[in-house]
Amino acid sequence: MNNLYLGIKGHVVCLEKKTGKELWKTKLKGMSLTNVIYDNKNIYAYANGHLFCLDADFGKVLWKNTLSGYGYGSCIFATDVSTQQQAYIIDKDQAQQNAQASQAAT
């Protein structure tokens, strides 16, 4: 994979790994932590209680799900990539605490 996908304050940003050049960015919903995962040429992003599927090449939103009734808590992504199971656990409160601790250390 030649690109890096970031979730930042309600956006998904695609950067070229070799140069760091921004290739595209897509505004989703809210200004909270945005979880992302790449799977099978799609980016799945969780932002402000909504799940989005984006085209990894251009950042176009292919679909969204409001996840009605699930609230705005933490999100866990799991996928099967090349027959290797991977799970990503993101806790918004822990991420904020880590960011604050990092800023305090500098």
PDB file of N, CA and C in Angstrom:
ATOM      1  N   MET A   1       0.850  -1.169   0.000  1.00  0.00           N
ATOM      2  CA  MET A   1       0.000   0.000   0.000  1.00  0.00           C
ATOM      3  C   MET A   1       0.893   1.229   0.000  1.00  0.00           C
ATOM      4  N   ASN A   2       0.641   2.156  -0.913  1.00  0.00           N
ATOM      5  CA  ASN A   2       1.465   3.352  -1.077  1.00  0.00           C
ATOM      6  C   ASN A   2       0.956   4.559  -0.314  1.00  0.00           C
ATOM      7  N   ASN A   3      -0.252   4.471   0.219  1.00  0.00           N
ATOM      8  CA  ASN A   3      -0.863   5.619   0.883  1.00  0.00           C
ATOM      9  C   ASN A   3      -1.070   5.355   2.366  1.00  0.00           C
ATOM     10  N   LEU A   4      -1.202   6.451   3.093  1.00  0.00           N
ATOM     11  CA  LEU A   4      -1.492   6.413   4.518  1.00  0.00           C
ATOM     12  C   LEU A   4      -2.807   7.155   4.727  1.00  0.00           C
ATOM     13  N   TYR A   5      -3.707   6.563   5.490  1.00  0.00           N
ATOM     14  CA  TYR A   5      -5.023   7.149   5.717  1.00  0.00           C
ATOM     15  C   TYR A   5      -5.141   7.548   7.181  1.00  0.00           C
ATOM     16  N   LEU A   6      -5.503   8.799   7.421  1.00  0.00           N
ATOM     17  CA  LEU A   6      -5.599   9.339   8.762  1.00  0.00           C
ATOM     18  C   LEU A   6      -7.019   9.782   9.056  1.00  0.00           C
ATOM     19  N   GLY A   7      -7.432   9.626  10.290  1.00  0.00           N
ATOM     20  CA  GLY A   7      -8.697  10.163  10.757  1.00  0.00           C
ATOM     21  C   GLY A   7      -8.405  11.335  11.671  1.00  0.00           C
ATOM     22  N   ILE A   8      -8.826  12.531  11.285  1.00  0.00           N
ATOM     23  CA  ILE A   8      -8.506  13.743  12.044  1.00  0.00           C
ATOM     24  C   ILE A   8      -9.732  14.642  12.124  1.00  0.00           C
ATOM     25  N   LYS A   9     -10.242  14.865  13.333  1.00  0.00           N
ATOM     26  CA  LYS A   9     -11.319  15.824  13.584  1.00  0.00           C
ATOM     27  C   LYS A   9     -12.435  15.799  12.537  1.00  0.00           C
ATOM     28  N   GLY A  10     -13.033  14.640  12.343  1.00  0.00           N
ATOM     29  CA  GLY A  10     -14.164  14.534  11.428  1.00  0.00           C
ATOM     30  C   GLY A  10     -13.786  14.458   9.959  1.00  0.00           C
ATOM     31  N   HIS A  11     -12.506  14.280   9.648  1.00  0.00           N
ATOM     32  CA  HIS A  11     -12.023  14.164   8.271  1.00  0.00           C
ATOM     33  C   HIS A  11     -11.277  12.841   8.091  1.00  0.00           C
ATOM     34  N   VAL A  12     -11.242  12.359   6.864  1.00  0.00           N
ATOM     35  CA  VAL A  12     -10.311  11.313   6.474  1.00  0.00           C
ATOM     36  C   VAL A  12      -9.354  11.969   5.488  1.00  0.00           C
ATOM     37  N   VAL A  13      -8.057  11.787   5.732  1.00  0.00           N
ATOM     38  CA  VAL A  13      -7.020  12.405   4.902  1.00  0.00           C
ATOM     39  C   VAL A  13      -6.148  11.294   4.324  1.00  0.00           C
ATOM     40  N   CYS A  14      -5.859  11.374   3.041  1.00  0.00           N
ATOM     41  CA  CYS A  14      -5.002  10.409   2.367  1.00  0.00           C
ATOM     42  C   CYS A  14      -3.679  11.087   2.031  1.00  0.00           C
ATOM     43  N   LEU A  15      -2.574  10.505   2.502  1.00  0.00           N
ATOM     44  CA  LEU A  15      -1.240  11.022   2.232  1.00  0.00           C
ATOM     45  C   LEU A  15      -0.427   9.990   1.467  1.00  0.00           C
ATOM     46  N   GLU A  16       0.409  10.467   0.579  1.00  0.00           N
ATOM     47  CA  GLU A  16       1.357   9.596  -0.107  1.00  0.00           C
ATOM     48  C   GLU A  16       2.482   9.269   0.870  1.00  0.00           C
ATOM     49  N   LYS A  17       2.766   7.994   1.091  1.00  0.00           N
ATOM     50  CA  LYS A  17       3.754   7.601   2.085  1.00  0.00           C
ATOM     51  C   LYS A  17       5.157   8.128   1.787  1.00  0.00           C
ATOM     52  N   LYS A  18       5.569   8.096   0.534  1.00  0.00           N
ATOM     53  CA  LYS A  18       6.945   8.491   0.199  1.00  0.00           C
ATOM     54  C   LYS A  18       7.209   9.974   0.416  1.00  0.00           C
ATOM     55  N   THR A  19       6.224  10.809   0.147  1.00  0.00           N
ATOM     56  CA  THR A  19       6.454  12.258   0.169  1.00  0.00           C
ATOM     57  C   THR A  19       5.679  12.991   1.261  1.00  0.00           C
ATOM     58  N   GLY A  20       4.630  12.372   1.773  1.00  0.00           N
ATOM     59  CA  GLY A  20       3.763  13.050   2.736  1.00  0.00           C
ATOM     60  C   GLY A  20       2.764  13.987   2.080  1.00  0.00           C
ATOM     61  N   LYS A  21       2.741  14.010   0.754  1.00  0.00           N
ATOM     62  CA  LYS A  21       1.826  14.884   0.016  1.00  0.00           C
ATOM     63  C   LYS A  21       0.374  14.447   0.238  1.00  0.00           C
ATOM     64  N   GLU A  22      -0.489  15.446   0.502  1.00  0.00           N
ATOM     65  CA  GLU A  22      -1.907  15.162   0.659  1.00  0.00           C
ATOM     66  C   GLU A  22      -2.515  14.893  -0.712  1.00  0.00           C
ATOM     67  N   LEU A  23      -3.130  13.717  -0.858  1.00  0.00           N
ATOM     68  CA  LEU A  23      -3.760  13.348  -2.121  1.00  0.00           C
ATOM     69  C   LEU A  23      -5.241  13.721  -2.140  1.00  0.00           C
ATOM     70  N   TRP A  24      -5.907  13.566  -1.010  1.00  0.00           N
ATOM     71  CA  TRP A  24      -7.301  13.977  -0.884  1.00  0.00           C
ATOM     72  C   TRP A  24      -7.671  14.053   0.587  1.00  0.00           C
ATOM     73  N   LYS A  25      -8.768  14.772   0.854  1.00  0.00           N
ATOM     74  CA  LYS A  25      -9.358  14.773   2.195  1.00  0.00           C
ATOM     75  C   LYS A  25     -10.864  14.864   2.027  1.00  0.00           C
ATOM     76  N   THR A  26     -11.560  14.213   2.939  1.00  0.00           N
ATOM     77  CA  THR A  26     -13.013  14.181   2.891  1.00  0.00           C
ATOM     78  C   THR A  26     -13.555  14.536   4.270  1.00  0.00           C
ATOM     79  N   LYS A  27     -14.418  15.529   4.328  1.00  0.00           N
ATOM     80  CA  LYS A  27     -15.090  15.929   5.565  1.00  0.00           C
ATOM     81  C   LYS A  27     -16.237  14.966   5.806  1.00  0.00           C
ATOM     82  N   LEU A  28     -16.319  14.440   7.019  1.00  0.00           N
ATOM     83  CA  LEU A  28     -17.393  13.522   7.349  1.00  0.00           C
ATOM     84  C   LEU A  28     -18.405  14.207   8.255  1.00  0.00           C
ATOM     85  N   LYS A  29     -18.368  13.933   9.535  1.00  0.00           N
ATOM     86  CA  LYS A  29     -19.367  14.480  10.449  1.00  0.00           C
ATOM     87  C   LYS A  29     -18.683  14.829  11.756  1.00  0.00           C
ATOM     88  N   GLY A  30     -18.991  15.996  12.286  1.00  0.00           N
ATOM     89  CA  GLY A  30     -18.479  16.384  13.589  1.00  0.00           C
ATOM     90  C   GLY A  30     -17.009  16.767  13.567  1.00  0.00           C
ATOM     91  N   MET A  31     -16.491  17.002  14.759  1.00  0.00           N
ATOM     92  CA  MET A  31     -15.092  17.387  14.907  1.00  0.00           C
ATOM     93  C   MET A  31     -14.395  16.485  15.919  1.00  0.00           C
ATOM     94  N   SER A  32     -14.903  15.284  16.104  1.00  0.00           N
ATOM     95  CA  SER A  32     -14.348  14.373  17.095  1.00  0.00           C
ATOM     96  C   SER A  32     -13.296  13.465  16.472  1.00  0.00           C
ATOM     97  N   LEU A  33     -12.738  12.632  17.315  1.00  0.00           N
ATOM     98  CA  LEU A  33     -11.798  11.615  16.858  1.00  0.00           C
ATOM     99  C   LEU A  33     -12.455  10.803  15.753  1.00  0.00           C
ATOM    100  N   THR A  34     -11.719  10.544  14.685  1.00  0.00           N
ATOM    101  CA  THR A  34     -12.242   9.780  13.563  1.00  0.00           C
ATOM    102  C   THR A  34     -11.414   8.515  13.407  1.00  0.00           C
ATOM    103  N   ASN A  35     -12.029   7.365  13.610  1.00  0.00           N
ATOM    104  CA  ASN A  35     -11.348   6.081  13.462  1.00  0.00           C
ATOM    105  C   ASN A  35     -11.414   5.659  12.007  1.00  0.00           C
ATOM    106  N   VAL A  36     -10.321   5.106  11.494  1.00  0.00           N
ATOM    107  CA  VAL A  36     -10.311   4.637  10.113  1.00  0.00           C
ATOM    108  C   VAL A  36      -9.660   3.263  10.017  1.00  0.00           C
ATOM    109  N   ILE A  37     -10.087   2.526   9.008  1.00  0.00           N
ATOM    110  CA  ILE A  37      -9.471   1.246   8.691  1.00  0.00           C
ATOM    111  C   ILE A  37      -9.549   1.056   7.179  1.00  0.00           C
ATOM    112  N   TYR A  38      -8.504   0.499   6.600  1.00  0.00           N
ATOM    113  CA  TYR A  38      -8.454   0.189   5.170  1.00  0.00           C
ATOM    114  C   TYR A  38      -8.774  -1.292   5.001  1.00  0.00           C
ATOM    115  N   ASP A  39      -9.652  -1.588   4.056  1.00  0.00           N
ATOM    116  CA  ASP A  39      -9.987  -2.980   3.783  1.00  0.00           C
ATOM    117  C   ASP A  39     -10.492  -3.108   2.351  1.00  0.00           C
ATOM    118  N   ASN A  40      -9.803  -3.874   1.551  1.00  0.00           N
ATOM    119  CA  ASN A  40     -10.264  -4.206   0.202  1.00  0.00           C
ATOM    120  C   ASN A  40     -10.591  -2.978  -0.646  1.00  0.00           C
ATOM    121  N   LYS A  41      -9.666  -2.038  -0.693  1.00  0.00           N
ATOM    122  CA  LYS A  41      -9.762  -0.811  -1.503  1.00  0.00           C
ATOM    123  C   LYS A  41     -10.808   0.188  -1.005  1.00  0.00           C
ATOM    124  N   ASN A  42     -11.293  -0.011   0.196  1.00  0.00           N
ATOM    125  CA  ASN A  42     -12.218   0.933   0.813  1.00  0.00           C
ATOM    126  C   ASN A  42     -11.650   1.398   2.140  1.00  0.00           C
ATOM    127  N   ILE A  43     -12.057   2.585   2.534  1.00  0.00           N
ATOM    128  CA  ILE A  43     -11.744   3.109   3.853  1.00  0.00           C
ATOM    129  C   ILE A  43     -13.050   3.136   4.625  1.00  0.00           C
ATOM    130  N   TYR A  44     -13.041   2.555   5.811  1.00  0.00           N
ATOM    131  CA  TYR A  44     -14.193   2.623   6.688  1.00  0.00           C
ATOM    132  C   TYR A  44     -13.826   3.589   7.806  1.00  0.00           C
ATOM    133  N   ALA A  45     -14.704   4.536   8.064  1.00  0.00           N
ATOM    134  CA  ALA A  45     -14.415   5.578   9.046  1.00  0.00           C
ATOM    135  C   ALA A  45     -15.600   5.733   9.986  1.00  0.00           C
ATOM    136  N   TYR A  46     -15.282   5.877  11.267  1.00  0.00           N
ATOM    137  CA  TYR A  46     -16.293   6.106  12.285  1.00  0.00           C
ATOM    138  C   TYR A  46     -16.093   7.514  12.817  1.00  0.00           C
ATOM    139  N   ALA A  47     -17.122   8.345  12.691  1.00  0.00           N
ATOM    140  CA  ALA A  47     -17.037   9.729  13.156  1.00  0.00           C
ATOM    141  C   ALA A  47     -18.371  10.156  13.736  1.00  0.00           C
ATOM    142  N   ASN A  48     -18.329  10.641  14.958  1.00  0.00           N
ATOM    143  CA  ASN A  48     -19.498  11.229  15.598  1.00  0.00           C
ATOM    144  C   ASN A  48     -20.738  10.328  15.520  1.00  0.00           C
ATOM    145  N   GLY A  49     -20.538   9.030  15.797  1.00  0.00           N
ATOM    146  CA  GLY A  49     -21.657   8.099  15.834  1.00  0.00           C
ATOM    147  C   GLY A  49     -22.116   7.568  14.493  1.00  0.00           C
ATOM    148  N   HIS A  50     -21.397   7.877  13.414  1.00  0.00           N
ATOM    149  CA  HIS A  50     -21.769   7.422  12.079  1.00  0.00           C
ATOM    150  C   HIS A  50     -20.626   6.596  11.478  1.00  0.00           C
ATOM    151  N   LEU A  51     -20.992   5.589  10.688  1.00  0.00           N
ATOM    152  CA  LEU A  51     -20.025   4.787   9.967  1.00  0.00           C
ATOM    153  C   LEU A  51     -20.092   5.156   8.487  1.00  0.00           C
ATOM    154  N   PHE A  52     -18.916   5.396   7.887  1.00  0.00           N
ATOM    155  CA  PHE A  52     -18.829   5.777   6.480  1.00  0.00           C
ATOM    156  C   PHE A  52     -17.956   4.775   5.737  1.00  0.00           C
ATOM    157  N   CYS A  53     -18.267   4.558   4.467  1.00  0.00           N
ATOM    158  CA  CYS A  53     -17.416   3.791   3.569  1.00  0.00           C
ATOM    159  C   CYS A  53     -16.970   4.732   2.460  1.00  0.00           C
ATOM    160  N   LEU A  54     -15.644   4.869   2.289  1.00  0.00           N
ATOM    161  CA  LEU A  54     -15.086   5.767   1.277  1.00  0.00           C
ATOM    162  C   LEU A  54     -14.263   4.982   0.271  1.00  0.00           C
ATOM    163  N   ASP A  55     -14.257   5.450  -0.954  1.00  0.00           N
ATOM    164  CA  ASP A  55     -13.366   4.922  -1.977  1.00  0.00           C
ATOM    165  C   ASP A  55     -11.938   5.343  -1.618  1.00  0.00           C
ATOM    166  N   ALA A  56     -11.020   4.396  -1.487  1.00  0.00           N
ATOM    167  CA  ALA A  56      -9.654   4.700  -1.052  1.00  0.00           C
ATOM    168  C   ALA A  56      -8.868   5.514  -2.072  1.00  0.00           C
ATOM    169  N   ASP A  57      -9.210   5.438  -3.343  1.00  0.00           N
ATOM    170  CA  ASP A  57      -8.468   6.169  -4.373  1.00  0.00           C
ATOM    171  C   ASP A  57      -8.821   7.648  -4.429  1.00  0.00           C
ATOM    172  N   PHE A  58     -10.083   7.981  -4.190  1.00  0.00           N
ATOM    173  CA  PHE A  58     -10.531   9.360  -4.388  1.00  0.00           C
ATOM    174  C   PHE A  58     -11.208  10.003  -3.172  1.00  0.00           C
ATOM    175  N   GLY A  59     -11.523   9.202  -2.153  1.00  0.00           N
ATOM    176  CA  GLY A  59     -12.146   9.745  -0.954  1.00  0.00           C
ATOM    177  C   GLY A  59     -13.634   9.976  -1.052  1.00  0.00           C
ATOM    178  N   LYS A  60     -14.255   9.507  -2.111  1.00  0.00           N
ATOM    179  CA  LYS A  60     -15.693   9.680  -2.283  1.00  0.00           C
ATOM    180  C   LYS A  60     -16.438   8.788  -1.292  1.00  0.00           C
ATOM    181  N   VAL A  61     -17.448   9.357  -0.608  1.00  0.00           N
ATOM    182  CA  VAL A  61     -18.279   8.585   0.308  1.00  0.00           C
ATOM    183  C   VAL A  61     -19.188   7.678  -0.515  1.00  0.00           C
ATOM    184  N   LEU A  62     -19.046   6.374  -0.325  1.00  0.00           N
ATOM    185  CA  LEU A  62     -19.853   5.403  -1.050  1.00  0.00           C
ATOM    186  C   LEU A  62     -21.165   5.122  -0.328  1.00  0.00           C
ATOM    187  N   TRP A  63     -21.113   5.112   0.993  1.00  0.00           N
ATOM    188  CA  TRP A  63     -22.324   4.961   1.797  1.00  0.00           C
ATOM    189  C   TRP A  63     -22.042   5.394   3.223  1.00  0.00           C
ATOM    190  N   LYS A  64     -23.135   5.620   3.969  1.00  0.00           N
ATOM    191  CA  LYS A  64     -23.005   5.904   5.393  1.00  0.00           C
ATOM    192  C   LYS A  64     -24.134   5.224   6.138  1.00  0.00           C
ATOM    193  N   ASN A  65     -23.873   4.927   7.415  1.00  0.00           N
ATOM    194  CA  ASN A  65     -24.846   4.298   8.283  1.00  0.00           C
ATOM    195  C   ASN A  65     -24.878   5.114   9.565  1.00  0.00           C
ATOM    196  N   THR A  66     -26.044   5.580   9.969  1.00  0.00           N
ATOM    197  CA  THR A  66     -26.153   6.428  11.162  1.00  0.00           C
ATOM    198  C   THR A  66     -26.019   5.638  12.459  1.00  0.00           C
ATOM    199  N   LEU A  67     -25.960   4.325  12.372  1.00  0.00           N
ATOM    200  CA  LEU A  67     -25.828   3.461  13.552  1.00  0.00           C
ATOM    201  C   LEU A  67     -26.848   3.847  14.628  1.00  0.00           C
ATOM    202  N   SER A  68     -28.056   4.035  14.188  1.00  0.00           N
ATOM    203  CA  SER A  68     -29.141   4.462  15.055  1.00  0.00           C
ATOM    204  C   SER A  68     -29.258   3.580  16.295  1.00  0.00           C
ATOM    205  N   GLY A  69     -29.304   4.232  17.447  1.00  0.00           N
ATOM    206  CA  GLY A  69     -29.474   3.531  18.706  1.00  0.00           C
ATOM    207  C   GLY A  69     -28.182   3.116  19.389  1.00  0.00           C
ATOM    208  N   TYR A  70     -27.020   3.346  18.763  1.00  0.00           N
ATOM    209  CA  TYR A  70     -25.750   2.914  19.346  1.00  0.00           C
ATOM    210  C   TYR A  70     -24.988   4.028  20.057  1.00  0.00           C
ATOM    211  N   GLY A  71     -25.388   5.262  19.903  1.00  0.00           N
ATOM    212  CA  GLY A  71     -24.726   6.352  20.609  1.00  0.00           C
ATOM    213  C   GLY A  71     -23.425   6.785  19.961  1.00  0.00           C
ATOM    214  N   TYR A  72     -22.576   7.426  20.769  1.00  0.00           N
ATOM    215  CA  TYR A  72     -21.367   8.054  20.252  1.00  0.00           C
ATOM    216  C   TYR A  72     -20.101   7.566  20.952  1.00  0.00           C
ATOM    217  N   GLY A  73     -20.105   6.387  21.510  1.00  0.00           N
ATOM    218  CA  GLY A  73     -18.963   5.884  22.270  1.00  0.00           C
ATOM    219  C   GLY A  73     -17.818   5.419  21.394  1.00  0.00           C
ATOM    220  N   SER A  74     -16.975   4.623  21.990  1.00  0.00           N
ATOM    221  CA  SER A  74     -15.811   4.071  21.303  1.00  0.00           C
ATOM    222  C   SER A  74     -16.245   3.156  20.172  1.00  0.00           C
ATOM    223  N   CYS A  75     -15.317   2.917  19.251  1.00  0.00           N
ATOM    224  CA  CYS A  75     -15.613   2.080  18.093  1.00  0.00           C
ATOM    225  C   CYS A  75     -14.522   1.029  17.942  1.00  0.00           C
ATOM    226  N   ILE A  76     -14.906  -0.183  17.622  1.00  0.00           N
ATOM    227  CA  ILE A  76     -13.953  -1.258  17.344  1.00  0.00           C
ATOM    228  C   ILE A  76     -14.153  -1.696  15.899  1.00  0.00           C
ATOM    229  N   PHE A  77     -13.056  -1.755  15.138  1.00  0.00           N
ATOM    230  CA  PHE A  77     -13.097  -2.277  13.777  1.00  0.00           C
ATOM    231  C   PHE A  77     -12.419  -3.643  13.766  1.00  0.00           C
ATOM    232  N   ALA A  78     -12.959  -4.569  13.013  1.00  0.00           N
ATOM    233  CA  ALA A  78     -12.315  -5.860  12.791  1.00  0.00           C
ATOM    234  C   ALA A  78     -12.476  -6.200  11.322  1.00  0.00           C
ATOM    235  N   THR A  79     -11.437  -6.769  10.735  1.00  0.00           N
ATOM    236  CA  THR A  79     -11.501  -7.141   9.332  1.00  0.00           C
ATOM    237  C   THR A  79     -10.601  -8.337   9.086  1.00  0.00           C
ATOM    238  N   ASP A  80     -10.831  -9.006   7.994  1.00  0.00           N
ATOM    239  CA  ASP A  80      -9.986 -10.120   7.587  1.00  0.00           C
ATOM    240  C   ASP A  80      -9.141  -9.625   6.420  1.00  0.00           C
ATOM    241  N   VAL A  81      -7.864  -9.407   6.654  1.00  0.00           N
ATOM    242  CA  VAL A  81      -6.958  -8.895   5.623  1.00  0.00           C
ATOM    243  C   VAL A  81      -5.960  -9.991   5.283  1.00  0.00           C
ATOM    244  N   SER A  82      -5.979 -10.457   4.034  1.00  0.00           N
ATOM    245  CA  SER A  82      -5.068 -11.513   3.574  1.00  0.00           C
ATOM    246  C   SER A  82      -5.087 -12.707   4.520  1.00  0.00           C
ATOM    247  N   THR A  83      -6.254 -13.140   4.899  1.00  0.00           N
ATOM    248  CA  THR A  83      -6.504 -14.258   5.804  1.00  0.00           C
ATOM    249  C   THR A  83      -5.911 -14.054   7.195  1.00  0.00           C
ATOM    250  N   GLN A  84      -5.459 -12.858   7.498  1.00  0.00           N
ATOM    251  CA  GLN A  84      -4.944 -12.555   8.837  1.00  0.00           C
ATOM    252  C   GLN A  84      -5.959 -11.675   9.542  1.00  0.00           C
ATOM    253  N   GLN A  85      -6.487 -12.132  10.650  1.00  0.00           N
ATOM    254  CA  GLN A  85      -7.478 -11.355  11.386  1.00  0.00           C
ATOM    255  C   GLN A  85      -6.785 -10.210  12.110  1.00  0.00           C
ATOM    256  N   GLN A  86      -7.349  -9.006  11.986  1.00  0.00           N
ATOM    257  CA  GLN A  86      -6.829  -7.839  12.672  1.00  0.00           C
ATOM    258  C   GLN A  86      -7.988  -7.134  13.357  1.00  0.00           C
ATOM    259  N   ALA A  87      -7.754  -6.648  14.548  1.00  0.00           N
ATOM    260  CA  ALA A  87      -8.768  -5.880  15.260  1.00  0.00           C
ATOM    261  C   ALA A  87      -8.142  -4.600  15.767  1.00  0.00           C
ATOM    262  N   TYR A  88      -8.890  -3.518  15.690  1.00  0.00           N
ATOM    263  CA  TYR A  88      -8.418  -2.214  16.109  1.00  0.00           C
ATOM    264  C   TYR A  88      -9.387  -1.685  17.156  1.00  0.00           C
ATOM    265  N   ILE A  89      -8.871  -1.372  18.300  1.00  0.00           N
ATOM    266  CA  ILE A  89      -9.702  -0.852  19.374  1.00  0.00           C
ATOM    267  C   ILE A  89      -9.291   0.587  19.639  1.00  0.00           C
ATOM    268  N   ILE A  90     -10.223   1.490  19.497  1.00  0.00           N
ATOM    269  CA  ILE A  90      -9.964   2.899  19.696  1.00  0.00           C
ATOM    270  C   ILE A  90     -10.883   3.389  20.810  1.00  0.00           C
ATOM    271  N   ASP A  91     -10.305   3.962  21.797  1.00  0.00           N
ATOM    272  CA  ASP A  91     -11.074   4.519  22.893  1.00  0.00           C
ATOM    273  C   ASP A  91     -10.853   6.019  22.890  1.00  0.00           C
ATOM    274  N   LYS A  92     -11.891   6.777  22.639  1.00  0.00           N
ATOM    275  CA  LYS A  92     -11.789   8.230  22.509  1.00  0.00           C
ATOM    276  C   LYS A  92     -11.189   8.863  23.758  1.00  0.00           C
ATOM    277  N   ASP A  93     -11.644   8.463  24.929  1.00  0.00           N
ATOM    278  CA  ASP A  93     -11.131   9.052  26.158  1.00  0.00           C
ATOM    279  C   ASP A  93      -9.655   8.753  26.339  1.00  0.00           C
ATOM    280  N   GLN A  94      -9.241   7.522  26.054  1.00  0.00           N
ATOM    281  CA  GLN A  94      -7.830   7.159  26.196  1.00  0.00           C
ATOM    282  C   GLN A  94      -6.981   7.913  25.186  1.00  0.00           C
ATOM    283  N   ALA A  95      -7.464   8.067  23.964  1.00  0.00           N
ATOM    284  CA  ALA A  95      -6.716   8.806  22.944  1.00  0.00           C
ATOM    285  C   ALA A  95      -6.522  10.253  23.368  1.00  0.00           C
ATOM    286  N   GLN A  96      -7.558  10.861  23.952  1.00  0.00           N
ATOM    287  CA  GLN A  96      -7.452  12.243  24.416  1.00  0.00           C
ATOM    288  C   GLN A  96      -6.472  12.345  25.582  1.00  0.00           C
ATOM    289  N   GLN A  97      -6.503  11.376  26.488  1.00  0.00           N
ATOM    290  CA  GLN A  97      -5.574  11.378  27.614  1.00  0.00           C
ATOM    291  C   GLN A  97      -4.133  11.231  27.129  1.00  0.00           C
ATOM    292  N   ASN A  98      -3.912  10.360  26.133  1.00  0.00           N
ATOM    293  CA  ASN A  98      -2.571  10.187  25.580  1.00  0.00           C
ATOM    294  C   ASN A  98      -2.081  11.460  24.917  1.00  0.00           C
ATOM    295  N   ALA A  99      -2.960  12.146  24.199  1.00  0.00           N
ATOM    296  CA  ALA A  99      -2.585  13.399  23.532  1.00  0.00           C
ATOM    297  C   ALA A  99      -2.241  14.470  24.570  1.00  0.00           C
ATOM    298  N   GLN A 100      -3.024  14.564  25.631  1.00  0.00           N
ATOM    299  CA  GLN A 100      -2.752  15.549  26.677  1.00  0.00           C
ATOM    300  C   GLN A 100      -1.439  15.237  27.383  1.00  0.00           C
ATOM    301  N   ALA A 101      -1.164  13.974  27.656  1.00  0.00           N
ATOM    302  CA  ALA A 101       0.078  13.584  28.314  1.00  0.00           C
ATOM    303  C   ALA A 101       1.279  13.893  27.426  1.00  0.00           C
ATOM    304  N   SER A 102       1.107  13.644  26.121  1.00  0.00           N
ATOM    305  CA  SER A 102       2.180  13.940  25.172  1.00  0.00           C
ATOM    306  C   SER A 102       2.479  15.419  25.109  1.00  0.00           C
ATOM    307  N   GLN A 103       1.439  16.254  25.103  1.00  0.00           N
ATOM    308  CA  GLN A 103       1.619  17.700  25.060  1.00  0.00           C
ATOM    309  C   GLN A 103       2.263  18.201  26.346  1.00  0.00           C
ATOM    310  N   ALA A 104       1.906  17.628  27.467  1.00  0.00           N
ATOM    311  CA  ALA A 104       2.468  18.041  28.760  1.00  0.00           C
ATOM    312  C   ALA A 104       3.943  17.678  28.863  1.00  0.00           C
ATOM    313  N   ALA A 105       4.341  16.601  28.200  1.00  0.00           N
ATOM    314  CA  ALA A 105       5.727  16.146  28.250  1.00  0.00           C
ATOM    315  C   ALA A 105       6.655  17.030  27.415  1.00  0.00           C
ATOM    316  N   THR A 106       6.107  17.786  26.467  1.00  0.00           N
ATOM    317  CA  THR A 106       6.943  18.630  25.607  1.00  0.00           C
ATOM    318  C   THR A 106       7.039  20.044  26.089  1.00  0.00           C
TER     319      THR A 106
END
